[in-house]
Amino acid sequence: MLPVIDETLPIPFHVQLADILRRKIRAGEYKFRLPSINTLSQEYEVSRNTVLHALENLGRRLVLVHWDSGITVPVFPDEIALESQDSLHPC
């Protein structure tokens, strides 16, 4: 089951989506390539602009390489282990 965007949280959708994607990268679900913008938009039921904004947010923390065929993530999950402190979910 996919993590969902929680409409009841006061956190913008793009921030929630960036957090979900960051956790999936860290977990190794997206090792080298993210799904397309259209796929992410459909899977998480958000607009393409929300996905683009989430990728911009994520790109500030990770190295994302944009190609015509998609977005490549040239980092490995252990390289972003420190990102866990930025999680939206408080301990």
C-alpha atoms as a PDB file:
ATOM      1  CA  MET A   1       0.000   0.000   0.000  1.00  0.00           C
ATOM      2  CA  LEU A   2       1.284   3.447  -0.936  1.00  0.00           C
ATOM      3  CA  PRO A   3       1.808   6.106   1.714  1.00  0.00           C
ATOM      4  CA  VAL A   4      -0.874   8.733   1.295  1.00  0.00           C
ATOM      5  CA  ILE A   5      -0.959  12.486   1.343  1.00  0.00           C
ATOM      6  CA  ASP A   6      -2.833  13.440   4.516  1.00  0.00           C
ATOM      7  CA  GLU A   7      -5.235  16.259   3.693  1.00  0.00           C
ATOM      8  CA  THR A   8      -5.881  16.908   7.398  1.00  0.00           C
ATOM      9  CA  LEU A   9      -2.285  17.871   8.170  1.00  0.00           C
ATOM     10  CA  PRO A  10      -1.279  21.556   8.074  1.00  0.00           C
ATOM     11  CA  ILE A  11       1.747  20.498   5.989  1.00  0.00           C
ATOM     12  CA  PRO A  12       1.630  21.383   2.268  1.00  0.00           C
ATOM     13  CA  PHE A  13       1.095  18.441  -0.085  1.00  0.00           C
ATOM     14  CA  HIS A  14       4.405  19.001  -1.888  1.00  0.00           C
ATOM     15  CA  VAL A  15       6.308  18.799   1.422  1.00  0.00           C
ATOM     16  CA  GLN A  16       4.498  15.578   2.347  1.00  0.00           C
ATOM     17  CA  LEU A  17       5.234  14.074  -1.066  1.00  0.00           C
ATOM     18  CA  ALA A  18       8.912  15.073  -0.903  1.00  0.00           C
ATOM     19  CA  ASP A  19       9.109  13.343   2.498  1.00  0.00           C
ATOM     20  CA  ILE A  20       7.468  10.190   1.103  1.00  0.00           C
ATOM     21  CA  LEU A  21       9.856  10.114  -1.858  1.00  0.00           C
ATOM     22  CA  ARG A  22      12.878  10.745   0.370  1.00  0.00           C
ATOM     23  CA  ARG A  23      11.875   7.828   2.624  1.00  0.00           C
ATOM     24  CA  LYS A  24      11.363   5.560  -0.411  1.00  0.00           C
ATOM     25  CA  ILE A  25      14.791   6.474  -1.768  1.00  0.00           C
ATOM     26  CA  ARG A  26      16.351   5.849   1.641  1.00  0.00           C
ATOM     27  CA  ALA A  27      14.569   2.471   1.841  1.00  0.00           C
ATOM     28  CA  GLY A  28      15.967   1.513  -1.567  1.00  0.00           C
ATOM     29  CA  GLU A  29      12.618   1.468  -3.386  1.00  0.00           C
ATOM     30  CA  TYR A  30      13.901   4.063  -5.872  1.00  0.00           C
ATOM     31  CA  LYS A  31      17.573   3.310  -6.346  1.00  0.00           C
ATOM     32  CA  PHE A  32      18.330   4.954  -9.661  1.00  0.00           C
ATOM     33  CA  ARG A  33      15.160   6.367 -11.159  1.00  0.00           C
ATOM     34  CA  LEU A  34      11.986   7.974  -9.878  1.00  0.00           C
ATOM     35  CA  PRO A  35       8.641   7.284 -11.538  1.00  0.00           C
ATOM     36  CA  SER A  36       7.503   9.855 -14.077  1.00  0.00           C
ATOM     37  CA  ILE A  37       5.778  13.043 -12.987  1.00  0.00           C
ATOM     38  CA  ASN A  38       2.520  11.754 -14.462  1.00  0.00           C
ATOM     39  CA  THR A  39       2.843   8.437 -12.616  1.00  0.00           C
ATOM     40  CA  LEU A  40       3.568  10.150  -9.285  1.00  0.00           C
ATOM     41  CA  SER A  41       0.668  12.539  -9.876  1.00  0.00           C
ATOM     42  CA  GLN A  42      -1.721   9.637 -10.444  1.00  0.00           C
ATOM     43  CA  GLU A  43      -0.361   7.421  -7.654  1.00  0.00           C
ATOM     44  CA  TYR A  44      -0.574  10.119  -4.984  1.00  0.00           C
ATOM     45  CA  GLU A  45      -3.652  11.859  -6.435  1.00  0.00           C
ATOM     46  CA  VAL A  46      -2.023  15.281  -6.615  1.00  0.00           C
ATOM     47  CA  SER A  47      -1.482  17.710  -9.466  1.00  0.00           C
ATOM     48  CA  ARG A  48       1.594  17.650 -11.690  1.00  0.00           C
ATOM     49  CA  ASN A  49       2.547  21.043 -10.211  1.00  0.00           C
ATOM     50  CA  THR A  50       2.505  19.528  -6.718  1.00  0.00           C
ATOM     51  CA  VAL A  51       4.822  16.745  -7.926  1.00  0.00           C
ATOM     52  CA  LEU A  52       7.146  19.267  -9.587  1.00  0.00           C
ATOM     53  CA  HIS A  53       7.243  21.348  -6.406  1.00  0.00           C
ATOM     54  CA  ALA A  54       7.966  18.198  -4.342  1.00  0.00           C
ATOM     55  CA  LEU A  55      10.827  17.292  -6.702  1.00  0.00           C
ATOM     56  CA  GLU A  56      12.248  20.810  -6.381  1.00  0.00           C
ATOM     57  CA  ASN A  57      12.062  20.438  -2.592  1.00  0.00           C
ATOM     58  CA  LEU A  58      13.686  17.013  -2.779  1.00  0.00           C
ATOM     59  CA  GLY A  59      16.309  18.295  -5.197  1.00  0.00           C
ATOM     60  CA  ARG A  60      17.522  20.781  -2.602  1.00  0.00           C
ATOM     61  CA  ARG A  61      18.513  17.849  -0.374  1.00  0.00           C
ATOM     62  CA  LEU A  62      19.550  15.245  -2.954  1.00  0.00           C
ATOM     63  CA  VAL A  63      21.232  15.284  -6.308  1.00  0.00           C
ATOM     64  CA  LEU A  64      18.516  14.761  -8.899  1.00  0.00           C
ATOM     65  CA  VAL A  65      19.543  14.541 -12.535  1.00  0.00           C
ATOM     66  CA  HIS A  66      16.864  15.428 -15.066  1.00  0.00           C
ATOM     67  CA  TRP A  67      16.910  13.619 -18.402  1.00  0.00           C
ATOM     68  CA  ASP A  68      14.305  13.574 -21.149  1.00  0.00           C
ATOM     69  CA  SER A  69      13.482   9.993 -20.178  1.00  0.00           C
ATOM     70  CA  GLY A  70      12.880  10.757 -16.507  1.00  0.00           C
ATOM     71  CA  ILE A  71      14.521  11.780 -13.266  1.00  0.00           C
ATOM     72  CA  THR A  72      17.542   9.822 -12.139  1.00  0.00           C
ATOM     73  CA  VAL A  73      18.619   9.681  -8.502  1.00  0.00           C
ATOM     74  CA  PRO A  74      22.412   9.175  -8.495  1.00  0.00           C
ATOM     75  CA  VAL A  75      22.640   8.593  -4.739  1.00  0.00           C
ATOM     76  CA  PHE A  76      22.342   5.475  -2.630  1.00  0.00           C
ATOM     77  CA  PRO A  77      20.102   5.104   0.442  1.00  0.00           C
ATOM     78  CA  ASP A  78      22.996   5.115   2.948  1.00  0.00           C
ATOM     79  CA  GLU A  79      24.211   8.440   1.564  1.00  0.00           C
ATOM     80  CA  ILE A  80      20.998  10.100   2.723  1.00  0.00           C
ATOM     81  CA  ALA A  81      20.634   8.418   6.116  1.00  0.00           C
ATOM     82  CA  LEU A  82      21.035  11.802   7.783  1.00  0.00           C
ATOM     83  CA  GLU A  83      17.775  12.898   6.177  1.00  0.00           C
ATOM     84  CA  SER A  84      15.859  10.889   8.781  1.00  0.00           C
ATOM     85  CA  GLN A  85      16.132  13.801  11.186  1.00  0.00           C
ATOM     86  CA  ASP A  86      14.085  15.882   8.740  1.00  0.00           C
ATOM     87  CA  SER A  87      11.112  13.516   8.774  1.00  0.00           C
ATOM     88  CA  LEU A  88       7.673  15.077   9.077  1.00  0.00           C
ATOM     89  CA  HIS A  89       6.677  12.526  11.705  1.00  0.00           C
ATOM     90  CA  PRO A  90       7.760  13.571  15.213  1.00  0.00           C
ATOM     91  CA  CYS A  91       9.142  10.945  17.573  1.00  0.00           C
END
